[in-house]
Amino acid sequence: MPLVHIELLEGRSKAQLKDLVKDVTEVIAKDTGAPAEHIHVVLSEMAHDHYAVGGVLHSDEK
């Protein structure tokens, strides 16, 4: 059972997230031979003020 974790910043629409998990599932199934119904995808969305690069919160970037 493939288990895929994807972390991303919040702000994408439900349609975008649905497309993402569909596409990821198709690629994992193609590359591993696992049936799509056995592939689990976990999305973790972060607030922009819960993510930083180089000591700067993403919410503070311009």
N, C-alpha and C. Protein backbone atom coordinates (compact mmCIF):
# COMPACT_ATOMS: atom_id res chain seq x y z
N MET A 1 0.84 -1.18 0.00
CA MET A 1 0.00 0.00 0.00
C MET A 1 0.88 1.24 0.00
N PRO A 2 1.02 1.92 -1.12
CA PRO A 2 1.76 3.18 -1.13
C PRO A 2 1.02 4.25 -0.31
N LEU A 3 1.79 4.99 0.47
CA LEU A 3 1.25 6.09 1.28
C LEU A 3 2.07 7.32 0.94
N VAL A 4 1.41 8.33 0.38
CA VAL A 4 2.08 9.54 -0.09
C VAL A 4 1.66 10.70 0.80
N HIS A 5 2.65 11.41 1.34
CA HIS A 5 2.38 12.62 2.13
C HIS A 5 2.81 13.83 1.31
N ILE A 6 1.91 14.80 1.19
CA ILE A 6 2.21 16.03 0.47
C ILE A 6 1.93 17.20 1.40
N GLU A 7 2.95 18.03 1.61
CA GLU A 7 2.78 19.23 2.41
C GLU A 7 2.81 20.43 1.48
N LEU A 8 1.84 21.33 1.65
CA LEU A 8 1.78 22.50 0.79
C LEU A 8 1.14 23.65 1.55
N LEU A 9 1.40 24.85 1.06
CA LEU A 9 0.79 26.02 1.66
C LEU A 9 -0.69 26.07 1.31
N GLU A 10 -1.48 26.56 2.25
CA GLU A 10 -2.92 26.65 2.02
C GLU A 10 -3.23 27.66 0.92
N GLY A 11 -4.43 27.53 0.37
CA GLY A 11 -4.87 28.52 -0.60
C GLY A 11 -5.33 27.92 -1.93
N ARG A 12 -5.18 26.62 -2.09
CA ARG A 12 -5.64 26.01 -3.34
C ARG A 12 -7.11 25.64 -3.21
N SER A 13 -7.79 25.65 -4.33
CA SER A 13 -9.21 25.31 -4.33
C SER A 13 -9.40 23.80 -4.16
N LYS A 14 -10.62 23.42 -3.83
CA LYS A 14 -10.93 22.00 -3.71
C LYS A 14 -10.71 21.30 -5.05
N ALA A 15 -11.05 21.97 -6.14
CA ALA A 15 -10.84 21.38 -7.48
C ALA A 15 -9.36 21.13 -7.74
N GLN A 16 -8.49 22.06 -7.35
CA GLN A 16 -7.06 21.88 -7.53
C GLN A 16 -6.55 20.70 -6.71
N LEU A 17 -7.02 20.58 -5.47
CA LEU A 17 -6.59 19.48 -4.60
C LEU A 17 -7.08 18.14 -5.15
N LYS A 18 -8.31 18.12 -5.66
CA LYS A 18 -8.84 16.89 -6.26
C LYS A 18 -8.00 16.47 -7.46
N ASP A 19 -7.63 17.44 -8.31
CA ASP A 19 -6.79 17.14 -9.47
C ASP A 19 -5.43 16.63 -9.03
N LEU A 20 -4.87 17.24 -7.99
CA LEU A 20 -3.56 16.83 -7.48
C LEU A 20 -3.57 15.38 -7.03
N VAL A 21 -4.54 15.00 -6.18
CA VAL A 21 -4.55 13.63 -5.68
C VAL A 21 -4.86 12.63 -6.79
N LYS A 22 -5.66 13.03 -7.75
CA LYS A 22 -5.94 12.16 -8.90
C LYS A 22 -4.67 11.91 -9.70
N ASP A 23 -3.96 12.99 -10.02
CA ASP A 23 -2.74 12.87 -10.82
C ASP A 23 -1.66 12.09 -10.08
N VAL A 24 -1.47 12.37 -8.80
CA VAL A 24 -0.45 11.65 -8.01
C VAL A 24 -0.79 10.17 -7.96
N THR A 25 -2.06 9.86 -7.73
CA THR A 25 -2.49 8.46 -7.66
C THR A 25 -2.21 7.75 -8.98
N GLU A 26 -2.52 8.40 -10.10
CA GLU A 26 -2.28 7.78 -11.41
C GLU A 26 -0.81 7.49 -11.64
N VAL A 27 0.07 8.42 -11.27
CA VAL A 27 1.50 8.23 -11.49
C VAL A 27 2.04 7.12 -10.58
N ILE A 28 1.64 7.12 -9.32
CA ILE A 28 2.10 6.08 -8.40
C ILE A 28 1.62 4.71 -8.89
N ALA A 29 0.38 4.62 -9.34
CA ALA A 29 -0.15 3.35 -9.84
C ALA A 29 0.64 2.89 -11.07
N LYS A 30 0.91 3.82 -11.98
CA LYS A 30 1.66 3.48 -13.20
C LYS A 30 3.07 3.03 -12.87
N ASP A 31 3.74 3.75 -11.99
CA ASP A 31 5.14 3.47 -11.70
C ASP A 31 5.36 2.28 -10.77
N THR A 32 4.39 1.97 -9.91
CA THR A 32 4.57 0.87 -8.95
C THR A 32 3.75 -0.36 -9.28
N GLY A 33 2.73 -0.20 -10.11
CA GLY A 33 1.84 -1.32 -10.39
C GLY A 33 0.79 -1.54 -9.31
N ALA A 34 0.78 -0.67 -8.29
CA ALA A 34 -0.22 -0.79 -7.22
C ALA A 34 -1.58 -0.35 -7.75
N PRO A 35 -2.64 -1.04 -7.35
CA PRO A 35 -3.98 -0.61 -7.75
C PRO A 35 -4.31 0.75 -7.13
N ALA A 36 -4.97 1.60 -7.88
CA ALA A 36 -5.30 2.95 -7.40
C ALA A 36 -6.04 2.91 -6.06
N GLU A 37 -6.90 1.93 -5.88
CA GLU A 37 -7.69 1.87 -4.64
C GLU A 37 -6.84 1.51 -3.42
N HIS A 38 -5.57 1.17 -3.64
CA HIS A 38 -4.67 0.87 -2.52
C HIS A 38 -3.71 2.02 -2.23
N ILE A 39 -3.81 3.09 -3.01
CA ILE A 39 -2.89 4.22 -2.85
C ILE A 39 -3.55 5.28 -1.98
N HIS A 40 -2.87 5.64 -0.91
CA HIS A 40 -3.37 6.64 0.03
C HIS A 40 -2.56 7.92 -0.13
N VAL A 41 -3.26 9.05 -0.20
CA VAL A 41 -2.60 10.35 -0.32
C VAL A 41 -3.07 11.21 0.85
N VAL A 42 -2.11 11.76 1.60
CA VAL A 42 -2.41 12.62 2.73
C VAL A 42 -1.93 14.03 2.39
N LEU A 43 -2.84 14.99 2.42
CA LEU A 43 -2.49 16.39 2.17
C LEU A 43 -2.43 17.12 3.50
N SER A 44 -1.34 17.83 3.72
CA SER A 44 -1.22 18.67 4.91
C SER A 44 -1.00 20.10 4.43
N GLU A 45 -1.99 20.93 4.72
CA GLU A 45 -1.89 22.33 4.31
C GLU A 45 -1.42 23.17 5.50
N MET A 46 -0.49 24.06 5.22
CA MET A 46 0.06 24.94 6.24
C MET A 46 -0.39 26.37 5.99
N ALA A 47 -0.64 27.09 7.08
CA ALA A 47 -0.89 28.52 6.97
C ALA A 47 0.40 29.20 6.54
N HIS A 48 0.29 30.31 5.84
CA HIS A 48 1.47 31.02 5.36
C HIS A 48 2.34 31.53 6.51
N ASP A 49 1.76 31.71 7.69
CA ASP A 49 2.57 32.14 8.83
C ASP A 49 3.08 30.96 9.67
N HIS A 50 2.95 29.74 9.13
CA HIS A 50 3.51 28.55 9.77
C HIS A 50 4.63 27.94 8.93
N TYR A 51 5.15 28.73 7.98
CA TYR A 51 6.20 28.25 7.08
C TYR A 51 7.19 29.38 6.86
N ALA A 52 8.45 29.05 6.95
CA ALA A 52 9.48 30.08 6.79
C ALA A 52 10.64 29.53 5.97
N VAL A 53 11.33 30.44 5.29
CA VAL A 53 12.56 30.12 4.57
C VAL A 53 13.57 31.20 4.94
N GLY A 54 14.75 30.77 5.34
CA GLY A 54 15.80 31.72 5.68
C GLY A 54 15.45 32.62 6.84
N GLY A 55 14.63 32.11 7.75
CA GLY A 55 14.25 32.88 8.93
C GLY A 55 13.15 33.90 8.70
N VAL A 56 12.51 33.85 7.52
CA VAL A 56 11.44 34.80 7.21
C VAL A 56 10.16 34.03 6.96
N LEU A 57 9.10 34.40 7.71
CA LEU A 57 7.81 33.76 7.50
C LEU A 57 7.32 34.02 6.08
N HIS A 58 6.72 33.02 5.49
CA HIS A 58 6.20 33.17 4.13
C HIS A 58 5.17 34.29 4.09
N SER A 59 4.41 34.46 5.16
CA SER A 59 3.39 35.51 5.20
C SER A 59 4.01 36.92 5.21
N ASP A 60 5.30 37.03 5.56
CA ASP A 60 5.98 38.34 5.57
C ASP A 60 6.70 38.64 4.28
N GLU A 61 6.79 37.68 3.37
CA GLU A 61 7.47 37.91 2.10
C GLU A 61 6.60 38.76 1.20
N LYS A 62 7.24 39.53 0.39
CA LYS A 62 6.49 40.40 -0.53
C LYS A 62 6.66 39.90 -1.94
